[in-house]
Amino acid sequence: MFSTKLSAFVLISLAVFAQAAPADIQKQNALDAQKLNAKFASLSADDTCNDGDQACIQGAFAQCVGGKFQTTQCSGGTTCVALPLVNKPGTSVTCDSKDDAAARMKAAGVDGGITGSDSGDSAAASGS
């Protein structure tokens, strides 16, 4: 009996923590991600950076090591983008399909696709 109550308590507790952040936080995260994607469009692998910085450069994931960006190409069908977090404030930089990235922005309540200035075409985030 005790283990049943404990299991129920654990499940309820996990459900509370797994809930998405409020809509205003998700929207702000998407706006922040759009700003990052717009900034990434003008970055070059030769730009200076701070160790640990992450970015997208011409569709590739980039991490700053020793003051220089080191890039890694995304797998086929994906491009590097900043995405809004859904459970807490913030963004993540990752490889994703252009369609999914644009859908995540829309789901968070923002227009303009990946960069905020797209009119339905998300190619700007890949640098193409």
Protein backbone atom coordinates (compact mmCIF):
# COMPACT_ATOMS: atom_id res chain seq x y z
CA MET A 1 0.00 0.00 0.00
CA PHE A 2 2.81 2.39 0.94
CA SER A 3 4.64 1.73 -2.34
CA THR A 4 1.44 2.41 -4.32
CA LYS A 5 1.01 5.78 -2.62
CA LEU A 6 4.70 6.55 -3.12
CA SER A 7 4.49 5.61 -6.80
CA ALA A 8 1.42 7.81 -7.26
CA PHE A 9 3.20 10.70 -5.52
CA VAL A 10 6.27 10.29 -7.76
CA LEU A 11 4.14 10.24 -10.91
CA ILE A 12 2.21 13.36 -9.88
CA SER A 13 5.46 15.12 -8.98
CA LEU A 14 7.02 14.23 -12.33
CA ALA A 15 3.92 15.44 -14.17
CA VAL A 16 4.18 18.83 -12.45
CA PHE A 17 7.84 19.21 -13.43
CA ALA A 18 7.23 18.08 -17.02
CA GLN A 19 4.70 20.80 -17.77
CA ALA A 20 5.57 23.37 -20.37
CA ALA A 21 6.50 26.90 -19.39
CA PRO A 22 3.78 29.56 -19.60
CA ALA A 23 2.94 30.84 -23.09
CA ASP A 24 4.60 34.23 -22.50
CA ILE A 25 7.91 32.53 -21.63
CA GLN A 26 7.68 30.26 -24.67
CA LYS A 27 6.97 33.26 -26.90
CA GLN A 28 9.94 35.20 -25.47
CA ASN A 29 12.15 32.13 -25.98
CA ALA A 30 11.05 31.99 -29.64
CA LEU A 31 11.75 35.70 -30.11
CA ASP A 32 15.21 35.21 -28.57
CA ALA A 33 15.83 32.22 -30.85
CA GLN A 34 14.81 34.26 -33.90
CA LYS A 35 17.27 37.01 -32.91
CA LEU A 36 20.04 34.45 -32.55
CA ASN A 37 19.26 32.91 -35.94
CA ALA A 38 19.32 36.35 -37.56
CA LYS A 39 22.70 37.03 -35.89
CA PHE A 40 24.04 33.63 -36.97
CA ALA A 41 23.28 34.48 -40.63
CA SER A 42 26.14 37.01 -40.61
CA LEU A 43 28.68 34.93 -38.66
CA SER A 44 31.79 33.46 -40.22
CA ALA A 45 34.05 30.67 -38.97
CA ASP A 46 36.81 33.30 -38.86
CA ASP A 47 34.94 35.54 -36.40
CA THR A 48 36.37 35.79 -32.89
CA CYS A 49 34.42 34.20 -30.08
CA ASN A 50 34.54 33.31 -26.39
CA ASP A 51 35.44 29.74 -25.45
CA GLY A 52 32.28 27.70 -25.03
CA ASP A 53 30.11 29.92 -27.25
CA GLN A 54 27.80 28.01 -29.55
CA ALA A 55 26.47 29.27 -32.86
CA CYS A 56 25.36 28.27 -36.34
CA ILE A 57 27.64 29.13 -39.25
CA GLN A 58 26.39 28.51 -42.77
CA GLY A 59 24.08 25.75 -41.50
CA ALA A 60 26.77 23.99 -39.44
CA PHE A 61 26.89 23.70 -35.64
CA ALA A 62 29.79 25.78 -34.30
CA GLN A 63 31.49 25.81 -30.91
CA CYS A 64 34.19 28.23 -29.86
CA VAL A 65 37.48 26.59 -28.89
CA GLY A 66 40.58 28.69 -28.28
CA GLY A 67 38.89 31.85 -29.56
CA LYS A 68 37.93 30.31 -32.94
CA PHE A 69 34.78 28.61 -34.09
CA GLN A 70 35.07 24.91 -34.86
CA THR A 71 32.22 23.77 -37.11
CA THR A 72 30.50 20.42 -37.49
CA GLN A 73 28.11 19.80 -40.36
CA CYS A 74 24.61 18.70 -39.42
CA SER A 75 23.34 15.36 -40.70
CA GLY A 76 21.43 15.15 -43.96
CA GLY A 77 18.15 17.01 -44.08
CA THR A 78 18.99 19.20 -41.09
CA THR A 79 20.58 22.57 -40.50
CA CYS A 80 21.85 24.32 -37.39
CA VAL A 81 19.31 26.59 -35.70
CA ALA A 82 18.58 28.20 -32.37
CA LEU A 83 15.31 26.84 -30.98
CA PRO A 84 13.12 28.03 -28.11
CA LEU A 85 13.07 25.92 -24.96
CA VAL A 86 9.56 24.85 -23.94
CA ASN A 87 9.96 23.98 -20.24
CA LYS A 88 11.94 26.99 -19.00
CA PRO A 89 13.37 30.30 -20.21
CA GLY A 90 16.12 30.02 -22.83
CA THR A 91 17.16 28.67 -26.19
CA SER A 92 19.19 25.75 -27.50
CA VAL A 93 21.46 25.53 -30.53
CA THR A 94 21.04 22.27 -32.41
CA CYS A 95 20.55 20.61 -35.78
CA ASP A 96 16.93 20.33 -36.91
CA SER A 97 14.92 20.31 -40.12
CA LYS A 98 13.91 23.74 -41.40
CA ASP A 99 10.24 22.76 -41.35
CA ASP A 100 10.35 21.58 -37.73
CA ALA A 101 12.27 24.67 -36.60
CA ALA A 102 9.73 26.97 -38.27
CA ALA A 103 6.85 24.96 -36.76
CA ARG A 104 8.39 25.33 -33.28
CA MET A 105 8.52 29.11 -33.71
CA LYS A 106 4.89 29.16 -34.84
CA ALA A 107 3.83 26.88 -31.96
CA ALA A 108 5.46 29.33 -29.54
CA GLY A 109 3.32 32.14 -30.95
CA VAL A 110 5.70 34.06 -33.21
CA ASP A 111 5.55 34.80 -36.92
CA GLY A 112 8.44 35.23 -39.31
CA GLY A 113 9.84 31.72 -39.30
CA ILE A 114 13.32 30.98 -38.04
CA THR A 115 14.80 34.49 -38.24
CA GLY A 116 11.72 36.59 -37.61
CA SER A 117 11.86 38.08 -41.08
CA ASP A 118 10.96 35.01 -43.13
CA SER A 119 7.76 35.15 -45.11
CA GLY A 120 7.28 31.41 -44.93
CA ASP A 121 10.69 30.42 -46.35
CA SER A 122 13.15 29.35 -43.65
CA ALA A 123 16.23 29.11 -45.86
CA ALA A 124 17.84 32.16 -44.24
CA ALA A 125 18.85 30.17 -41.17
CA SER A 126 20.99 27.82 -43.22
CA GLY A 127 22.94 30.60 -44.87
CA SER A 128 21.66 29.61 -48.31
